[in-house]
Amino acid sequence: MWIYEKKLQYPVHVGQKDLRMARYLLTQYGGPDGELSAAIRYLNQRYTMPTNESKALLTDIGTEELAHVEMINTMIYQLMKDATIAEIEEAGLGSFYAIRDGAQFPSDSNGVPWTAAYIQAHADPIADLHEDMAAEQKARTVYENLLDLTDDPGLKDPLRFLREREVVHFQRFGEALRIVQEYKETKKIY
C-alpha cells in the first residue's frame, strides 16, 4: 500500500486570483488527457502487464498522477479563492457555481464532466503502453499551452514541473515498452 505524505508533490503558491486560468486548468483535472484520467488508466492497466517491472512502473506513475490531481485542484482553488459571484459569472463559471458553489468537480474547461469513457485499456500491454506514451505527450502539450496563457510565476513554476513530469513519464513508458517487447519475444507471446 502507499504512504501518503500530507504535502503537495511540488509547492503551489499562485500569486493572484485568475478565474479564467482556473477554468482552463479544469481540463487537467477532469479532461480526457488530464491527470485523473491518467491515474485511473495506469492503475487499471497494471493488472494486465506481463512483467513485475511494467506493473511496478504503472503503479508508480498512476500514483504520481493522483498527486498531480491534488496539485491541479490546489491551483484551481487558489486561483478562485475569494471570487465574487460577478467574477465567477464573468469567467464563464456561473453554471459550475449554480450546481456546486465552490466545490471542485472533475470536468474539462468546457464543463464536460469526466467520464470513464476516457480510460483506455485493452489487455494488450504493447497497445496500452503506446496509448500511455501518447497520453503523456498530449498532457505535455496541454501544459505548454497553459503556460502560454498565464504570466503568474507562482502558477508557471508548478505547471513547468508538471510538464517535465510528463516528459519523464513518456520516457519511462518507452522503457517499459522495450521490457515488455523483449519479454514477449523471449516467451513467444503474441
N, C-alpha and C. Protein backbone atom coordinates (compact mmCIF):
# COMPACT_ATOMS: atom_id res chain seq x y z
N MET A 1 0.84 -1.18 0.00
CA MET A 1 0.00 0.00 0.00
C MET A 1 0.88 1.23 0.00
N TRP A 2 0.30 2.36 -0.22
CA TRP A 2 1.05 3.60 -0.34
C TRP A 2 1.14 4.32 0.99
N ILE A 3 2.16 5.13 1.11
CA ILE A 3 2.29 6.02 2.25
C ILE A 3 2.04 7.43 1.73
N TYR A 4 1.10 8.12 2.33
CA TYR A 4 0.72 9.45 1.88
C TYR A 4 1.41 10.50 2.74
N GLU A 5 2.19 11.36 2.11
CA GLU A 5 2.76 12.50 2.81
C GLU A 5 1.79 13.66 2.67
N LYS A 6 1.46 14.30 3.76
CA LYS A 6 0.46 15.35 3.74
C LYS A 6 1.06 16.67 3.28
N LYS A 7 1.59 16.63 2.07
CA LYS A 7 2.10 17.83 1.40
C LYS A 7 2.01 17.58 -0.10
N LEU A 8 1.99 18.65 -0.85
CA LEU A 8 1.95 18.51 -2.30
C LEU A 8 3.29 17.97 -2.80
N GLN A 9 3.23 17.29 -3.93
CA GLN A 9 4.46 16.78 -4.53
C GLN A 9 5.40 17.93 -4.90
N TYR A 10 4.82 19.05 -5.28
CA TYR A 10 5.57 20.25 -5.62
C TYR A 10 4.75 21.43 -5.11
N PRO A 11 5.38 22.43 -4.50
CA PRO A 11 4.59 23.53 -3.91
C PRO A 11 3.84 24.36 -4.94
N VAL A 12 2.67 24.81 -4.53
CA VAL A 12 1.82 25.68 -5.37
C VAL A 12 1.55 26.95 -4.57
N HIS A 13 1.98 28.08 -5.11
CA HIS A 13 1.75 29.38 -4.49
C HIS A 13 1.34 30.37 -5.57
N VAL A 14 0.09 30.28 -5.96
CA VAL A 14 -0.43 31.17 -7.00
C VAL A 14 -0.38 32.60 -6.49
N GLY A 15 0.07 33.52 -7.36
CA GLY A 15 0.26 34.90 -6.95
C GLY A 15 -1.00 35.74 -6.91
N GLN A 16 -1.98 35.42 -7.76
CA GLN A 16 -3.17 36.27 -7.81
C GLN A 16 -4.38 35.47 -8.28
N LYS A 17 -5.53 35.98 -7.94
CA LYS A 17 -6.78 35.37 -8.38
C LYS A 17 -6.88 35.50 -9.90
N ASP A 18 -7.28 34.41 -10.56
CA ASP A 18 -7.43 34.42 -12.02
C ASP A 18 -8.42 33.31 -12.40
N LEU A 19 -9.69 33.66 -12.43
CA LEU A 19 -10.73 32.67 -12.70
C LEU A 19 -10.66 32.13 -14.12
N ARG A 20 -10.19 32.94 -15.03
CA ARG A 20 -10.02 32.49 -16.41
C ARG A 20 -9.04 31.30 -16.44
N MET A 21 -7.91 31.43 -15.75
CA MET A 21 -6.92 30.33 -15.70
C MET A 21 -7.47 29.14 -14.94
N ALA A 22 -8.24 29.39 -13.89
CA ALA A 22 -8.85 28.29 -13.15
C ALA A 22 -9.70 27.45 -14.09
N ARG A 23 -10.46 28.12 -14.91
CA ARG A 23 -11.31 27.41 -15.87
C ARG A 23 -10.46 26.59 -16.85
N TYR A 24 -9.40 27.19 -17.36
CA TYR A 24 -8.53 26.46 -18.30
C TYR A 24 -7.90 25.24 -17.64
N LEU A 25 -7.53 25.38 -16.38
CA LEU A 25 -6.88 24.27 -15.67
C LEU A 25 -7.81 23.08 -15.44
N LEU A 26 -9.10 23.32 -15.50
CA LEU A 26 -10.06 22.22 -15.30
C LEU A 26 -9.78 21.05 -16.24
N THR A 27 -9.28 21.33 -17.44
CA THR A 27 -9.04 20.23 -18.38
C THR A 27 -7.98 19.26 -17.86
N GLN A 28 -7.04 19.77 -17.06
CA GLN A 28 -6.02 18.86 -16.50
C GLN A 28 -6.53 18.14 -15.26
N TYR A 29 -7.69 18.52 -14.78
CA TYR A 29 -8.34 17.78 -13.69
C TYR A 29 -9.24 16.70 -14.29
N GLY A 30 -10.24 17.10 -15.04
CA GLY A 30 -11.24 16.14 -15.48
C GLY A 30 -11.38 15.99 -16.97
N GLY A 31 -10.42 16.45 -17.74
CA GLY A 31 -10.48 16.30 -19.19
C GLY A 31 -9.96 14.95 -19.65
N PRO A 32 -10.12 14.64 -20.92
CA PRO A 32 -9.73 13.33 -21.44
C PRO A 32 -8.24 13.04 -21.31
N ASP A 33 -7.41 14.06 -21.34
CA ASP A 33 -5.97 13.87 -21.23
C ASP A 33 -5.43 14.41 -19.91
N GLY A 34 -6.32 14.61 -18.95
CA GLY A 34 -5.94 15.17 -17.67
C GLY A 34 -5.37 14.15 -16.70
N GLU A 35 -5.03 14.64 -15.55
CA GLU A 35 -4.35 13.83 -14.53
C GLU A 35 -5.24 12.73 -13.96
N LEU A 36 -6.52 13.01 -13.76
CA LEU A 36 -7.42 11.98 -13.22
C LEU A 36 -7.54 10.82 -14.19
N SER A 37 -7.71 11.12 -15.46
CA SER A 37 -7.81 10.07 -16.48
C SER A 37 -6.52 9.25 -16.52
N ALA A 38 -5.38 9.92 -16.46
CA ALA A 38 -4.10 9.21 -16.50
C ALA A 38 -3.96 8.28 -15.29
N ALA A 39 -4.27 8.79 -14.11
CA ALA A 39 -4.11 7.98 -12.90
C ALA A 39 -4.95 6.70 -12.98
N ILE A 40 -6.19 6.85 -13.35
CA ILE A 40 -7.07 5.68 -13.40
C ILE A 40 -6.65 4.74 -14.52
N ARG A 41 -6.26 5.29 -15.66
CA ARG A 41 -5.81 4.46 -16.79
C ARG A 41 -4.63 3.59 -16.36
N TYR A 42 -3.61 4.20 -15.77
CA TYR A 42 -2.39 3.46 -15.44
C TYR A 42 -2.63 2.46 -14.30
N LEU A 43 -3.40 2.86 -13.30
CA LEU A 43 -3.66 1.94 -12.19
C LEU A 43 -4.54 0.77 -12.64
N ASN A 44 -5.32 0.96 -13.68
CA ASN A 44 -6.12 -0.12 -14.25
C ASN A 44 -5.27 -1.03 -15.13
N GLN A 45 -4.45 -0.45 -15.97
CA GLN A 45 -3.66 -1.22 -16.92
C GLN A 45 -2.61 -2.11 -16.25
N ARG A 46 -2.18 -1.76 -15.07
CA ARG A 46 -1.10 -2.52 -14.43
C ARG A 46 -1.45 -3.99 -14.26
N TYR A 47 -2.72 -4.31 -14.16
CA TYR A 47 -3.12 -5.70 -13.91
C TYR A 47 -2.86 -6.62 -15.09
N THR A 48 -2.77 -6.07 -16.29
CA THR A 48 -2.55 -6.92 -17.47
C THR A 48 -1.13 -6.81 -18.00
N MET A 49 -0.25 -6.17 -17.26
CA MET A 49 1.16 -6.10 -17.67
C MET A 49 1.83 -7.44 -17.36
N PRO A 50 2.67 -7.93 -18.28
CA PRO A 50 3.23 -9.27 -18.13
C PRO A 50 4.47 -9.37 -17.23
N THR A 51 5.09 -8.23 -16.89
CA THR A 51 6.30 -8.30 -16.06
C THR A 51 6.10 -7.50 -14.78
N ASN A 52 6.83 -7.89 -13.75
CA ASN A 52 6.76 -7.15 -12.49
C ASN A 52 7.26 -5.72 -12.66
N GLU A 53 8.28 -5.53 -13.52
CA GLU A 53 8.79 -4.19 -13.76
C GLU A 53 7.73 -3.28 -14.37
N SER A 54 7.01 -3.78 -15.36
CA SER A 54 5.99 -2.95 -16.01
C SER A 54 4.80 -2.71 -15.07
N LYS A 55 4.45 -3.70 -14.26
CA LYS A 55 3.37 -3.49 -13.27
C LYS A 55 3.78 -2.42 -12.26
N ALA A 56 5.02 -2.50 -11.79
CA ALA A 56 5.50 -1.52 -10.80
C ALA A 56 5.54 -0.12 -11.40
N LEU A 57 5.97 -0.02 -12.65
CA LEU A 57 6.05 1.27 -13.30
C LEU A 57 4.67 1.91 -13.41
N LEU A 58 3.68 1.14 -13.85
CA LEU A 58 2.32 1.68 -13.98
C LEU A 58 1.76 2.07 -12.61
N THR A 59 2.08 1.30 -11.59
CA THR A 59 1.63 1.64 -10.23
C THR A 59 2.28 2.95 -9.78
N ASP A 60 3.59 3.06 -9.98
CA ASP A 60 4.31 4.27 -9.57
C ASP A 60 3.77 5.52 -10.29
N ILE A 61 3.65 5.43 -11.60
CA ILE A 61 3.20 6.60 -12.35
C ILE A 61 1.73 6.90 -12.08
N GLY A 62 0.90 5.87 -11.98
CA GLY A 62 -0.51 6.08 -11.66
C GLY A 62 -0.69 6.79 -10.33
N THR A 63 0.11 6.39 -9.36
CA THR A 63 0.05 7.02 -8.04
C THR A 63 0.53 8.47 -8.12
N GLU A 64 1.59 8.69 -8.88
CA GLU A 64 2.09 10.06 -9.03
C GLU A 64 1.05 10.94 -9.70
N GLU A 65 0.31 10.39 -10.66
CA GLU A 65 -0.74 11.17 -11.32
C GLU A 65 -1.80 11.63 -10.31
N LEU A 66 -2.07 10.81 -9.30
CA LEU A 66 -3.01 11.25 -8.25
C LEU A 66 -2.45 12.45 -7.49
N ALA A 67 -1.13 12.48 -7.30
CA ALA A 67 -0.51 13.65 -6.67
C ALA A 67 -0.66 14.87 -7.58
N HIS A 68 -0.64 14.65 -8.89
CA HIS A 68 -0.82 15.76 -9.82
C HIS A 68 -2.26 16.28 -9.79
N VAL A 69 -3.22 15.37 -9.60
CA VAL A 69 -4.62 15.81 -9.43
C VAL A 69 -4.70 16.76 -8.23
N GLU A 70 -4.02 16.41 -7.17
CA GLU A 70 -4.02 17.24 -5.96
C GLU A 70 -3.40 18.61 -6.25
N MET A 71 -2.34 18.64 -7.02
CA MET A 71 -1.71 19.93 -7.36
C MET A 71 -2.63 20.78 -8.22
N ILE A 72 -3.24 20.17 -9.23
CA ILE A 72 -4.16 20.91 -10.10
C ILE A 72 -5.32 21.47 -9.29
N ASN A 73 -5.90 20.66 -8.43
CA ASN A 73 -7.01 21.16 -7.60
C ASN A 73 -6.57 22.30 -6.70
N THR A 74 -5.36 22.23 -6.19
CA THR A 74 -4.84 23.31 -5.35
C THR A 74 -4.70 24.59 -6.17
N MET A 75 -4.20 24.47 -7.39
CA MET A 75 -4.07 25.64 -8.26
C MET A 75 -5.45 26.25 -8.54
N ILE A 76 -6.41 25.41 -8.89
CA ILE A 76 -7.76 25.90 -9.19
C ILE A 76 -8.34 26.61 -7.96
N TYR A 77 -8.18 25.99 -6.80
CA TYR A 77 -8.70 26.58 -5.56
C TYR A 77 -8.06 27.95 -5.32
N GLN A 78 -6.73 28.01 -5.42
CA GLN A 78 -6.04 29.28 -5.16
C GLN A 78 -6.42 30.35 -6.19
N LEU A 79 -6.60 29.95 -7.43
CA LEU A 79 -6.97 30.91 -8.46
C LEU A 79 -8.38 31.47 -8.28
N MET A 80 -9.24 30.69 -7.60
CA MET A 80 -10.64 31.11 -7.42
C MET A 80 -10.94 31.65 -6.02
N LYS A 81 -9.97 31.57 -5.14
CA LYS A 81 -10.20 31.95 -3.75
C LYS A 81 -10.73 33.39 -3.64
N ASP A 82 -11.80 33.51 -2.87
CA ASP A 82 -12.45 34.80 -2.59
C ASP A 82 -13.07 35.47 -3.82
N ALA A 83 -13.38 34.69 -4.84
CA ALA A 83 -14.02 35.26 -6.04
C ALA A 83 -15.46 35.66 -5.72
N THR A 84 -15.88 36.76 -6.30
CA THR A 84 -17.27 37.19 -6.17
C THR A 84 -18.12 36.45 -7.19
N ILE A 85 -19.42 36.47 -6.99
CA ILE A 85 -20.33 35.84 -7.95
C ILE A 85 -20.20 36.52 -9.31
N ALA A 86 -20.04 37.83 -9.32
CA ALA A 86 -19.87 38.54 -10.59
C ALA A 86 -18.61 38.07 -11.32
N GLU A 87 -17.51 37.87 -10.59
CA GLU A 87 -16.27 37.38 -11.21
C GLU A 87 -16.44 35.95 -11.73
N ILE A 88 -17.15 35.14 -10.97
CA ILE A 88 -17.40 33.76 -11.38
C ILE A 88 -18.20 33.74 -12.68
N GLU A 89 -19.25 34.57 -12.73
CA GLU A 89 -20.07 34.63 -13.96
C GLU A 89 -19.26 35.17 -15.13
N GLU A 90 -18.47 36.19 -14.90
CA GLU A 90 -17.67 36.80 -15.97
C GLU A 90 -16.67 35.79 -16.56
N ALA A 91 -16.18 34.87 -15.73
CA ALA A 91 -15.22 33.87 -16.19
C ALA A 91 -15.90 32.68 -16.87
N GLY A 92 -17.22 32.73 -16.96
CA GLY A 92 -17.94 31.62 -17.59
C GLY A 92 -18.11 30.42 -16.68
N LEU A 93 -18.01 30.65 -15.38
CA LEU A 93 -18.12 29.56 -14.41
C LEU A 93 -19.42 29.63 -13.62
N GLY A 94 -20.38 30.41 -14.09
CA GLY A 94 -21.66 30.54 -13.39
C GLY A 94 -22.39 29.22 -13.25
N SER A 95 -22.36 28.38 -14.28
CA SER A 95 -23.05 27.09 -14.19
C SER A 95 -22.39 26.18 -13.16
N PHE A 96 -21.05 26.25 -13.04
CA PHE A 96 -20.36 25.48 -12.01
C PHE A 96 -20.83 25.94 -10.63
N TYR A 97 -20.87 27.27 -10.45
CA TYR A 97 -21.29 27.82 -9.16
C TYR A 97 -22.73 27.43 -8.83
N ALA A 98 -23.61 27.52 -9.82
CA ALA A 98 -25.03 27.21 -9.58
C ALA A 98 -25.21 25.78 -9.09
N ILE A 99 -24.42 24.86 -9.61
CA ILE A 99 -24.56 23.45 -9.23
C ILE A 99 -23.73 23.11 -8.01
N ARG A 100 -22.52 23.62 -7.92
CA ARG A 100 -21.57 23.13 -6.92
C ARG A 100 -21.02 24.20 -5.97
N ASP A 101 -21.41 25.44 -6.12
CA ASP A 101 -20.83 26.53 -5.35
C ASP A 101 -19.33 26.54 -5.61
N GLY A 102 -18.51 26.37 -4.60
CA GLY A 102 -17.06 26.39 -4.79
C GLY A 102 -16.42 25.02 -4.81
N ALA A 103 -17.22 23.97 -4.83
CA ALA A 103 -16.66 22.62 -4.79
C ALA A 103 -15.94 22.26 -6.09
N GLN A 104 -14.88 21.52 -5.95
CA GLN A 104 -14.16 21.03 -7.13
C GLN A 104 -14.96 19.88 -7.74
N PHE A 105 -14.97 19.82 -9.06
CA PHE A 105 -15.69 18.76 -9.76
C PHE A 105 -14.91 18.42 -11.03
N PRO A 106 -14.63 17.14 -11.26
CA PRO A 106 -13.83 16.80 -12.44
C PRO A 106 -14.60 16.99 -13.75
N SER A 107 -14.14 17.97 -14.50
CA SER A 107 -14.68 18.24 -15.83
C SER A 107 -13.57 18.89 -16.63
N ASP A 108 -13.82 19.08 -17.91
CA ASP A 108 -12.84 19.81 -18.70
C ASP A 108 -13.17 21.30 -18.66
N SER A 109 -12.40 22.10 -19.35
CA SER A 109 -12.59 23.55 -19.28
C SER A 109 -13.85 24.02 -19.99
N ASN A 110 -14.51 23.13 -20.74
CA ASN A 110 -15.78 23.47 -21.37
C ASN A 110 -16.97 23.02 -20.53
N GLY A 111 -16.72 22.43 -19.37
CA GLY A 111 -17.79 21.98 -18.49
C GLY A 111 -18.24 20.55 -18.74
N VAL A 112 -17.56 19.83 -19.64
CA VAL A 112 -17.93 18.44 -19.92
C VAL A 112 -17.42 17.59 -18.75
N PRO A 113 -18.31 16.88 -18.05
CA PRO A 113 -17.89 16.10 -16.89
C PRO A 113 -16.95 14.96 -17.26
N TRP A 114 -16.06 14.64 -16.33
CA TRP A 114 -15.17 13.50 -16.51
C TRP A 114 -16.01 12.24 -16.71
N THR A 115 -15.52 11.33 -17.54
CA THR A 115 -16.22 10.08 -17.78
C THR A 115 -15.22 8.94 -17.87
N ALA A 116 -15.63 7.77 -17.46
CA ALA A 116 -14.78 6.59 -17.56
C ALA A 116 -14.51 6.23 -19.02
N ALA A 117 -15.25 6.80 -19.95
CA ALA A 117 -15.00 6.55 -21.37
C ALA A 117 -13.62 7.05 -21.79
N TYR A 118 -13.01 7.93 -20.97
CA TYR A 118 -11.66 8.42 -21.27
C TYR A 118 -10.59 7.37 -21.03
N ILE A 119 -10.92 6.32 -20.31
CA ILE A 119 -9.92 5.32 -19.90
C ILE A 119 -9.69 4.32 -21.02
N GLN A 120 -8.45 4.21 -21.44
CA GLN A 120 -8.08 3.24 -22.47
C GLN A 120 -7.34 2.09 -21.80
N ALA A 121 -7.82 0.89 -21.99
CA ALA A 121 -7.15 -0.31 -21.50
C ALA A 121 -7.65 -1.46 -22.36
N HIS A 122 -6.71 -2.20 -22.93
CA HIS A 122 -7.10 -3.23 -23.88
C HIS A 122 -6.54 -4.61 -23.55
N ALA A 123 -5.86 -4.75 -22.45
CA ALA A 123 -5.23 -6.02 -22.05
C ALA A 123 -4.14 -6.44 -23.03
N ASP A 124 -3.77 -5.57 -23.92
CA ASP A 124 -2.62 -5.77 -24.80
C ASP A 124 -1.56 -4.80 -24.31
N PRO A 125 -0.55 -5.29 -23.60
CA PRO A 125 0.39 -4.36 -22.97
C PRO A 125 1.12 -3.45 -23.95
N ILE A 126 1.38 -3.92 -25.16
CA ILE A 126 2.06 -3.07 -26.13
C ILE A 126 1.13 -1.95 -26.59
N ALA A 127 -0.12 -2.27 -26.88
CA ALA A 127 -1.09 -1.24 -27.27
C ALA A 127 -1.29 -0.25 -26.12
N ASP A 128 -1.41 -0.77 -24.90
CA ASP A 128 -1.62 0.10 -23.75
C ASP A 128 -0.43 1.04 -23.53
N LEU A 129 0.77 0.52 -23.64
CA LEU A 129 1.95 1.37 -23.42
C LEU A 129 2.10 2.43 -24.52
N HIS A 130 1.75 2.08 -25.74
CA HIS A 130 1.74 3.11 -26.79
C HIS A 130 0.69 4.18 -26.48
N GLU A 131 -0.48 3.76 -26.02
CA GLU A 131 -1.53 4.70 -25.61
C GLU A 131 -1.02 5.59 -24.48
N ASP A 132 -0.31 5.01 -23.53
CA ASP A 132 0.21 5.77 -22.39
C ASP A 132 1.23 6.81 -22.84
N MET A 133 2.10 6.42 -23.76
CA MET A 133 3.09 7.37 -24.28
C MET A 133 2.38 8.52 -24.99
N ALA A 134 1.36 8.21 -25.78
CA ALA A 134 0.61 9.26 -26.47
C ALA A 134 -0.10 10.16 -25.45
N ALA A 135 -0.66 9.57 -24.41
CA ALA A 135 -1.35 10.36 -23.38
C ALA A 135 -0.39 11.34 -22.71
N GLU A 136 0.82 10.89 -22.44
CA GLU A 136 1.81 11.77 -21.80
C GLU A 136 2.20 12.91 -22.73
N GLN A 137 2.32 12.63 -24.02
CA GLN A 137 2.65 13.69 -24.98
C GLN A 137 1.51 14.70 -25.09
N LYS A 138 0.27 14.21 -25.08
CA LYS A 138 -0.88 15.13 -25.14
C LYS A 138 -0.92 16.00 -23.89
N ALA A 139 -0.68 15.40 -22.73
CA ALA A 139 -0.68 16.18 -21.48
C ALA A 139 0.45 17.21 -21.49
N ARG A 140 1.62 16.83 -21.99
CA ARG A 140 2.73 17.78 -22.09
C ARG A 140 2.33 18.97 -22.94
N THR A 141 1.68 18.71 -24.06
CA THR A 141 1.24 19.78 -24.95
C THR A 141 0.25 20.71 -24.25
N VAL A 142 -0.68 20.13 -23.50
CA VAL A 142 -1.65 20.96 -22.77
C VAL A 142 -0.93 21.84 -21.76
N TYR A 143 0.05 21.29 -21.04
CA TYR A 143 0.80 22.12 -20.08
C TYR A 143 1.53 23.25 -20.79
N GLU A 144 2.09 22.98 -21.95
CA GLU A 144 2.75 24.06 -22.70
C GLU A 144 1.75 25.13 -23.10
N ASN A 145 0.55 24.72 -23.51
CA ASN A 145 -0.49 25.69 -23.85
C ASN A 145 -0.91 26.50 -22.62
N LEU A 146 -1.05 25.82 -21.49
CA LEU A 146 -1.42 26.53 -20.26
C LEU A 146 -0.35 27.54 -19.86
N LEU A 147 0.91 27.17 -20.03
CA LEU A 147 2.00 28.10 -19.73
C LEU A 147 1.91 29.35 -20.59
N ASP A 148 1.46 29.21 -21.83
CA ASP A 148 1.30 30.36 -22.72
C ASP A 148 0.16 31.28 -22.27
N LEU A 149 -0.75 30.76 -21.47
CA LEU A 149 -1.95 31.52 -21.09
C LEU A 149 -1.82 32.28 -19.77
N THR A 150 -0.66 32.20 -19.12
CA THR A 150 -0.52 32.89 -17.84
C THR A 150 0.83 33.60 -17.75
N ASP A 151 0.85 34.67 -16.94
CA ASP A 151 2.09 35.38 -16.63
C ASP A 151 2.45 35.23 -15.16
N ASP A 152 1.63 34.53 -14.40
CA ASP A 152 1.82 34.39 -12.96
C ASP A 152 2.97 33.41 -12.68
N PRO A 153 4.10 33.90 -12.14
CA PRO A 153 5.22 33.00 -11.86
C PRO A 153 4.86 31.91 -10.84
N GLY A 154 3.95 32.22 -9.93
CA GLY A 154 3.51 31.23 -8.95
C GLY A 154 2.70 30.11 -9.57
N LEU A 155 2.16 30.32 -10.75
CA LEU A 155 1.44 29.30 -11.49
C LEU A 155 2.36 28.64 -12.52
N LYS A 156 3.20 29.43 -13.16
CA LYS A 156 4.11 28.89 -14.17
C LYS A 156 5.05 27.84 -13.58
N ASP A 157 5.54 28.08 -12.38
CA ASP A 157 6.51 27.17 -11.78
C ASP A 157 5.95 25.75 -11.61
N PRO A 158 4.80 25.56 -10.96
CA PRO A 158 4.27 24.19 -10.85
C PRO A 158 3.81 23.62 -12.19
N LEU A 159 3.35 24.48 -13.11
CA LEU A 159 2.98 23.99 -14.44
C LEU A 159 4.20 23.46 -15.18
N ARG A 160 5.34 24.13 -15.03
CA ARG A 160 6.58 23.63 -15.64
C ARG A 160 6.98 22.29 -15.03
N PHE A 161 6.85 22.21 -13.71
CA PHE A 161 7.16 20.94 -13.04
C PHE A 161 6.29 19.82 -13.60
N LEU A 162 5.00 20.06 -13.72
CA LEU A 162 4.08 19.03 -14.24
C LEU A 162 4.41 18.69 -15.69
N ARG A 163 4.74 19.68 -16.49
CA ARG A 163 5.13 19.41 -17.87
C ARG A 163 6.36 18.50 -17.92
N GLU A 164 7.33 18.77 -17.08
CA GLU A 164 8.55 17.95 -17.08
C GLU A 164 8.27 16.52 -16.60
N ARG A 165 7.32 16.37 -15.70
CA ARG A 165 6.97 15.01 -15.25
C ARG A 165 6.32 14.23 -16.39
N GLU A 166 5.60 14.91 -17.26
CA GLU A 166 5.02 14.23 -18.43
C GLU A 166 6.13 13.70 -19.33
N VAL A 167 7.20 14.47 -19.49
CA VAL A 167 8.33 14.04 -20.30
C VAL A 167 8.99 12.80 -19.68
N VAL A 168 9.18 12.84 -18.37
CA VAL A 168 9.78 11.70 -17.67
C VAL A 168 8.88 10.47 -17.80
N HIS A 169 7.59 10.65 -17.62
CA HIS A 169 6.67 9.51 -17.75
C HIS A 169 6.71 8.93 -19.16
N PHE A 170 6.76 9.78 -20.17
CA PHE A 170 6.87 9.31 -21.55
C PHE A 170 8.11 8.42 -21.70
N GLN A 171 9.23 8.88 -21.17
CA GLN A 171 10.48 8.12 -21.27
C GLN A 171 10.38 6.78 -20.52
N ARG A 172 9.78 6.81 -19.35
CA ARG A 172 9.66 5.58 -18.57
C ARG A 172 8.71 4.59 -19.24
N PHE A 173 7.65 5.09 -19.87
CA PHE A 173 6.76 4.19 -20.62
C PHE A 173 7.50 3.59 -21.82
N GLY A 174 8.40 4.36 -22.42
CA GLY A 174 9.23 3.83 -23.50
C GLY A 174 10.11 2.69 -23.01
N GLU A 175 10.68 2.85 -21.81
CA GLU A 175 11.48 1.78 -21.21
C GLU A 175 10.62 0.54 -20.95
N ALA A 176 9.42 0.76 -20.43
CA ALA A 176 8.51 -0.36 -20.16
C ALA A 176 8.13 -1.07 -21.45
N LEU A 177 7.91 -0.30 -22.50
CA LEU A 177 7.58 -0.90 -23.79
C LEU A 177 8.71 -1.82 -24.26
N ARG A 178 9.94 -1.37 -24.13
CA ARG A 178 11.09 -2.19 -24.52
C ARG A 178 11.13 -3.47 -23.68
N ILE A 179 10.92 -3.36 -22.39
CA ILE A 179 10.93 -4.52 -21.49
C ILE A 179 9.85 -5.51 -21.88
N VAL A 180 8.64 -5.01 -22.12
CA VAL A 180 7.51 -5.88 -22.47
C VAL A 180 7.74 -6.54 -23.83
N GLN A 181 8.26 -5.79 -24.78
CA GLN A 181 8.53 -6.37 -26.10
C GLN A 181 9.59 -7.47 -26.01
N GLU A 182 10.63 -7.23 -25.22
CA GLU A 182 11.66 -8.26 -25.03
C GLU A 182 11.07 -9.50 -24.35
N TYR A 183 10.25 -9.28 -23.35
CA TYR A 183 9.60 -10.38 -22.64
C TYR A 183 8.75 -11.21 -23.60
N LYS A 184 7.93 -10.51 -24.38
CA LYS A 184 7.06 -11.21 -25.32
C LYS A 184 7.87 -11.98 -26.37
N GLU A 185 8.99 -11.43 -26.80
CA GLU A 185 9.82 -12.10 -27.80
C GLU A 185 10.45 -13.37 -27.21
N THR A 186 10.93 -13.27 -25.98
CA THR A 186 11.56 -14.47 -25.38
C THR A 186 10.54 -15.53 -25.02
N LYS A 187 9.32 -15.13 -24.74
CA LYS A 187 8.26 -16.09 -24.39
C LYS A 187 7.44 -16.50 -25.60
N LYS A 188 7.72 -15.84 -26.75
CA LYS A 188 6.97 -16.09 -27.99
C LYS A 188 5.47 -15.88 -27.79
N ILE A 189 5.15 -14.82 -27.07
CA ILE A 189 3.75 -14.46 -26.80
C ILE A 189 3.34 -13.37 -27.80
N TYR A 190 2.22 -13.59 -28.47
CA TYR A 190 1.74 -12.57 -29.43
C TYR A 190 0.29 -12.28 -29.26
